[in-house]
Protein backbone atom coordinates (compact mmCIF):
# COMPACT_ATOMS: atom_id res chain seq x y z
CA MET A 1 16.90 -18.13 -48.01
CA ILE A 2 20.36 -16.63 -47.40
CA LEU A 3 22.24 -16.89 -44.11
CA GLU A 4 25.49 -15.17 -43.19
CA GLY A 5 28.74 -16.96 -44.00
CA MET A 6 29.33 -20.11 -46.01
CA GLN A 7 26.54 -22.44 -44.99
CA VAL A 8 26.78 -25.57 -47.13
CA SER A 9 29.52 -27.54 -48.88
CA VAL A 10 28.22 -30.09 -51.38
CA VAL A 11 30.75 -32.93 -51.65
CA MET A 12 30.54 -35.03 -54.83
CA PRO A 13 33.06 -37.81 -55.53
CA VAL A 14 33.36 -38.56 -59.24
CA PHE A 15 34.71 -41.70 -60.86
CA ASN A 16 34.00 -42.43 -64.54
CA ALA A 17 30.59 -40.75 -64.33
CA GLU A 18 30.40 -39.03 -67.71
CA ARG A 19 27.02 -40.58 -68.62
CA PHE A 20 25.16 -38.89 -65.79
CA LEU A 21 27.50 -36.21 -64.43
CA ALA A 22 26.08 -33.21 -66.30
CA GLU A 23 22.55 -33.94 -65.10
CA ALA A 24 23.74 -34.35 -61.51
CA MET A 25 25.75 -31.12 -61.65
CA GLU A 26 22.86 -29.16 -63.18
CA SER A 27 20.66 -30.26 -60.29
CA VAL A 28 23.19 -29.01 -57.74
CA LEU A 29 23.79 -25.64 -59.37
CA ALA A 30 20.04 -25.04 -59.77
CA GLN A 31 19.30 -25.22 -56.03
CA SER A 32 16.90 -22.64 -54.57
CA PHE A 33 19.36 -22.23 -51.69
CA GLU A 34 22.32 -20.39 -53.18
CA ASP A 35 24.78 -20.02 -50.28
CA PHE A 36 26.86 -23.10 -50.99
CA GLU A 37 30.07 -24.31 -52.56
CA ALA A 38 30.30 -27.52 -54.56
CA ILE A 39 33.42 -29.68 -54.17
CA ALA A 40 33.90 -32.27 -56.91
CA VAL A 41 36.63 -34.84 -56.23
CA ASP A 42 37.63 -36.59 -59.46
CA ASP A 43 39.02 -39.85 -58.10
CA GLY A 44 41.14 -40.84 -61.07
CA SER A 45 38.45 -40.97 -63.78
CA THR A 46 39.57 -42.33 -67.15
CA ASP A 47 36.53 -41.19 -69.14
CA GLY A 48 35.34 -37.67 -69.97
CA SER A 49 34.38 -36.71 -66.41
CA ALA A 50 37.31 -34.29 -65.95
CA GLY A 51 36.34 -32.27 -69.01
CA ILE A 52 32.72 -32.02 -67.89
CA LEU A 53 33.78 -30.79 -64.45
CA GLU A 54 36.12 -28.22 -65.96
CA ARG A 55 33.31 -26.80 -68.10
CA TYR A 56 31.02 -26.42 -65.11
CA ALA A 57 33.79 -24.86 -62.99
CA ARG A 58 34.32 -22.20 -65.66
CA ARG A 59 30.60 -21.53 -65.73
CA ASP A 60 29.96 -21.31 -61.96
CA GLY A 61 32.54 -20.08 -59.44
CA ARG A 62 30.87 -22.00 -56.62
CA LEU A 63 32.31 -25.25 -58.00
CA ARG A 64 35.80 -26.32 -56.95
CA VAL A 65 37.29 -29.33 -58.73
CA PHE A 66 40.09 -31.52 -57.38
CA GLN A 67 41.89 -34.14 -59.46
CA ARG A 68 43.59 -37.08 -57.77
CA GLY A 69 44.64 -40.66 -58.38
CA HIS A 70 42.10 -43.38 -57.78
CA GLN A 71 41.99 -44.28 -54.08
CA ARG A 72 38.41 -45.58 -53.59
CA LEU A 73 35.33 -43.81 -52.30
CA PRO A 74 36.06 -43.41 -48.55
CA ALA A 75 39.36 -41.64 -49.28
CA ALA A 76 37.70 -39.39 -51.88
CA LEU A 77 34.95 -38.50 -49.40
CA ASN A 78 37.42 -37.66 -46.65
CA PHE A 79 39.46 -35.58 -49.09
CA GLY A 80 36.39 -33.56 -50.06
CA CYS A 81 35.08 -33.18 -46.51
CA ALA A 82 38.49 -31.98 -45.31
CA ARG A 83 38.30 -29.11 -47.82
CA ALA A 84 34.71 -28.17 -47.03
CA GLU A 85 34.31 -24.63 -45.73
CA GLY A 86 30.59 -24.83 -44.99
CA ARG A 87 28.89 -25.32 -41.66
CA TYR A 88 27.03 -28.24 -43.22
CA ILE A 89 28.28 -30.93 -45.61
CA ALA A 90 25.74 -32.16 -48.14
CA ARG A 91 26.51 -35.40 -49.96
CA MET A 92 25.75 -35.85 -53.63
CA ASP A 93 26.58 -38.62 -56.07
CA ALA A 94 27.55 -38.01 -59.68
CA ASP A 95 24.73 -40.16 -61.08
CA ASP A 96 21.77 -38.83 -59.06
CA ILE A 97 19.47 -35.80 -59.34
CA ALA A 98 18.75 -33.43 -56.45
CA MET A 99 15.37 -31.73 -56.28
CA PRO A 100 15.67 -27.89 -56.50
CA GLU A 101 14.58 -27.30 -52.89
CA ARG A 102 16.71 -30.05 -51.34
CA LEU A 103 19.42 -27.90 -49.70
CA GLU A 104 16.95 -25.24 -48.57
CA ARG A 105 14.70 -27.70 -46.76
CA GLN A 106 17.61 -29.48 -45.10
CA VAL A 107 19.23 -26.26 -43.87
CA LYS A 108 15.91 -25.07 -42.42
CA PHE A 109 15.46 -28.34 -40.55
CA LEU A 110 18.99 -28.45 -39.13
CA GLU A 111 18.78 -24.81 -38.03
CA ALA A 112 15.58 -25.65 -36.14
CA HIS A 113 16.85 -28.97 -34.68
CA PRO A 114 20.35 -28.43 -33.24
CA ARG A 115 20.52 -31.95 -31.74
CA VAL A 116 20.33 -33.59 -35.17
CA ALA A 117 23.76 -34.07 -36.74
CA ILE A 118 22.86 -36.03 -39.88
CA LEU A 119 19.71 -35.50 -41.92
CA GLY A 120 18.57 -37.54 -44.90
CA THR A 121 15.52 -37.53 -47.14
CA GLN A 122 13.27 -39.98 -48.95
CA ILE A 123 14.18 -40.98 -52.50
CA GLU A 124 12.62 -41.79 -55.84
CA ARG A 125 14.48 -44.62 -57.53
CA ILE A 126 14.99 -44.19 -61.25
CA ARG A 127 16.38 -46.46 -63.94
CA GLN A 128 19.49 -45.83 -66.00
CA ASP A 129 17.44 -43.88 -68.57
CA GLY A 130 15.76 -41.76 -65.88
CA ALA A 131 12.46 -43.68 -65.93
CA ARG A 132 10.70 -43.68 -62.58
CA MET A 133 10.77 -46.94 -60.59
CA ASN A 134 9.34 -46.31 -57.14
CA VAL A 135 9.51 -44.11 -54.06
CA GLU A 136 11.42 -45.64 -51.17
CA ARG A 137 10.91 -44.43 -47.63
CA VAL A 138 12.97 -44.67 -44.46
CA PRO A 139 12.12 -43.78 -40.82
CA LEU A 140 11.95 -40.10 -39.88
CA GLU A 141 12.92 -39.89 -36.21
CA HIS A 142 16.06 -40.90 -34.35
CA ALA A 143 14.49 -43.57 -32.14
CA GLU A 144 13.05 -45.51 -35.08
CA ILE A 145 16.22 -45.05 -37.14
CA GLU A 146 18.38 -46.36 -34.31
CA ALA A 147 16.04 -49.30 -33.68
CA ASN A 148 16.29 -50.44 -37.31
CA MET A 149 19.80 -49.52 -38.42
CA GLN A 150 21.40 -52.78 -37.28
CA ARG A 151 19.22 -54.51 -39.91
CA ILE A 152 19.07 -51.94 -42.70
CA CYS A 153 20.75 -48.69 -43.67
CA CYS A 154 18.19 -46.06 -42.63
CA LEU A 155 19.73 -43.04 -44.35
CA PHE A 156 20.32 -42.84 -48.10
CA HIS A 157 23.91 -41.67 -48.43
CA PRO A 158 23.56 -39.20 -51.35
CA THR A 159 20.65 -37.47 -49.57
CA VAL A 160 22.35 -36.59 -46.31
CA MET A 161 23.34 -33.20 -44.96
CA MET A 162 25.71 -33.39 -42.00
CA ARG A 163 27.08 -30.94 -39.49
CA ALA A 164 30.72 -30.54 -40.52
CA GLU A 165 31.84 -30.41 -36.90
CA ALA A 166 30.22 -33.79 -36.18
CA VAL A 167 31.85 -35.42 -39.22
CA ARG A 168 35.25 -34.23 -38.04
CA GLU A 169 34.65 -35.34 -34.45
CA LEU A 170 33.75 -38.82 -35.72
CA GLY A 171 36.93 -39.02 -37.77
CA GLY A 172 35.12 -39.13 -41.11
CA TYR A 173 34.67 -42.24 -43.20
CA ARG A 174 36.67 -45.38 -42.38
CA GLU A 175 38.40 -47.02 -45.33
CA ALA A 176 38.12 -50.52 -43.84
CA PHE A 177 34.37 -50.32 -44.51
CA PHE A 178 34.64 -49.53 -48.23
CA GLY A 179 31.29 -50.43 -49.78
CA ALA A 180 29.36 -49.54 -46.62
CA GLU A 181 31.41 -46.61 -45.32
CA ASP A 182 28.19 -44.64 -44.92
CA HIS A 183 26.49 -47.36 -42.84
CA ASP A 184 29.51 -47.47 -40.54
CA LEU A 185 29.45 -43.68 -40.14
CA TRP A 186 25.72 -43.65 -39.30
CA LEU A 187 26.18 -46.39 -36.69
CA ARG A 188 29.01 -44.48 -35.03
CA ALA A 189 27.13 -41.18 -35.26
CA ALA A 190 24.05 -42.64 -33.56
CA GLU A 191 26.16 -43.30 -30.47
CA ARG A 192 26.78 -39.54 -30.02
CA TYR A 193 24.17 -37.60 -31.97
CA GLU A 194 20.62 -37.70 -33.25
CA LEU A 195 19.83 -38.72 -36.82
CA ALA A 196 16.71 -37.87 -38.81
CA ASN A 197 15.10 -38.02 -42.25
CA LEU A 198 12.78 -35.52 -43.88
CA PRO A 199 9.47 -36.96 -45.15
CA ASP A 200 10.03 -35.30 -48.54
CA VAL A 201 11.40 -37.01 -51.65
CA LEU A 202 14.33 -34.72 -52.44
CA LEU A 203 16.58 -36.91 -54.57
CA LYS A 204 16.23 -39.12 -57.63
CA TYR A 205 18.46 -42.13 -56.94
CA ARG A 206 19.66 -43.84 -60.11
CA LEU A 207 20.04 -47.62 -60.28
CA HIS A 208 22.38 -48.85 -63.00
CA THR A 209 25.01 -51.52 -63.55
CA GLY A 210 27.86 -49.04 -63.22
CA ALA A 211 26.86 -48.02 -59.70
CA LEU A 212 29.31 -48.94 -56.96
CA SER A 213 26.61 -50.77 -55.00
CA PHE A 214 26.06 -53.03 -58.03
CA GLU A 215 29.66 -53.53 -59.15
CA LYS A 216 30.99 -54.16 -55.63
CA LEU A 217 27.99 -55.99 -54.21
CA GLU A 218 29.92 -58.65 -52.30
CA GLN A 219 32.26 -56.04 -50.83
CA GLN A 220 29.27 -53.92 -49.81
CA VAL A 221 27.68 -56.85 -47.97
CA MET A 222 30.93 -57.73 -46.22
CA ALA A 223 31.47 -54.13 -45.15
CA ALA A 224 27.91 -53.72 -43.89
CA THR A 225 28.20 -56.96 -41.90
CA ALA A 226 31.48 -55.73 -40.40
CA ALA A 227 29.99 -52.31 -39.56
CA GLU A 228 27.06 -53.91 -37.72
CA LEU A 229 29.35 -56.28 -35.82
CA SER A 230 31.63 -53.37 -34.88
CA ALA A 231 28.65 -51.39 -33.56
CA ALA A 232 27.43 -54.33 -31.49
CA ARG A 233 30.89 -54.86 -30.01
CA ARG A 234 31.27 -51.17 -29.15
CA ARG A 235 27.90 -51.06 -27.44
CA ALA A 236 28.87 -54.13 -25.41
CA GLY A 237 32.00 -52.32 -24.22
CA GLN A 238 34.31 -54.42 -26.39
CA ASP A 239 37.01 -53.39 -28.83
CA ASP A 240 36.14 -52.59 -32.42
CA PRO A 241 37.50 -55.59 -34.38
CA PHE A 242 38.13 -53.77 -37.67
CA GLY A 243 40.31 -50.88 -38.77
CA GLY A 244 43.14 -49.82 -41.01
CA ASN A 245 43.16 -48.67 -44.62
CA LYS A 246 42.36 -51.97 -46.35
CA PRO A 247 38.77 -53.07 -47.03
CA VAL A 248 37.35 -55.82 -44.86
CA THR A 249 37.81 -59.32 -46.31
CA ARG A 250 36.15 -62.70 -45.78
CA GLN A 251 39.16 -63.72 -43.75
CA ASP A 252 38.66 -60.73 -41.44
CA LEU A 253 35.02 -61.67 -40.95
CA ARG A 254 35.85 -65.31 -40.28
CA ALA A 255 38.33 -64.22 -37.63
CA ALA A 256 35.59 -62.13 -36.04
CA GLY A 257 33.19 -65.08 -35.94
CA ILE A 258 31.14 -64.48 -39.12
CA GLY A 259 30.81 -67.73 -41.07
CA ASP A 260 30.75 -68.05 -44.85
CA ASP A 261 27.20 -69.46 -44.80
CA ARG A 262 25.82 -66.34 -43.14
CA LEU A 263 27.76 -64.08 -45.48
CA ASP A 264 26.78 -65.99 -48.63
CA SER A 265 23.12 -65.86 -47.59
CA SER A 266 23.30 -62.07 -47.26
CA ILE A 267 24.97 -61.77 -50.68
CA ARG A 268 22.25 -63.90 -52.31
CA LYS A 269 19.55 -61.69 -50.81
CA ALA A 270 21.29 -58.57 -52.14
CA ARG A 271 21.57 -60.09 -55.63
CA ASP A 272 17.90 -61.03 -55.53
CA TRP A 273 17.05 -57.41 -54.68
CA TYR A 274 18.73 -56.24 -57.89
CA ARG A 275 17.31 -59.11 -59.94
CA GLN A 276 13.76 -58.26 -58.85
CA ARG A 277 14.32 -54.71 -60.12
CA GLU A 278 15.76 -55.96 -63.41
CA ILE A 279 19.18 -54.45 -62.75
CA ARG A 280 21.58 -56.97 -64.28
CA SER A 281 25.12 -56.97 -65.57
CA THR A 282 25.54 -57.45 -69.32
């Protein structure tokens, strides 16, 4: 399937991902849909990630690599999205595996559904060694996504394809919500656009102790709590209580009326989720 003009920009932030980066990159470059560019943002890696990216860039001219100092994920995402030339921006993480038909199916859907601005897919969770864990499913249609997204994140970040124009109109990712910058973006997007998920499993989502969601678990919970509070305040016609370039802290949440007991309970539940799946730090 080839359409006129640059259709898709795949944006992949990379930070110390040498263990899984080659497999992730192979899955992007092997897509059945060929009209795309891949933008890899090396966010200050100190391992062999830069060398791996350079080798792939020499091999395939669709890959553009940018090196920069470490500034955390939201800044790396905004940097990559700002350089995207495609009509659609597809997210990809450096430790996951995209199915060969992922981009093709998402482009077809978005072309047929102009009201949808952000489109995700279902995922298959895999372990560090690639062993299959389980398939995880999220709601398909906007109404069900919107009804549930104040409780859970209803779009898997590395699966989404977004209309570039919508991302820019929303102002991109907000650095205050580092750890849940995607959840904050979906909540804001749902106030202006429709969101959807394909029923297909189009990404293998790797769980491992080096993943940001594992290493920064407490920060992720704080950011998600802040994002949900911000959305509730906006919908009530009140000011958004968070902003700026520094990640949300416990002190910020206390000032906004979120007690430590509530926050600690959410953190325990998140840790239990990893423990049940035998994902532990060493």
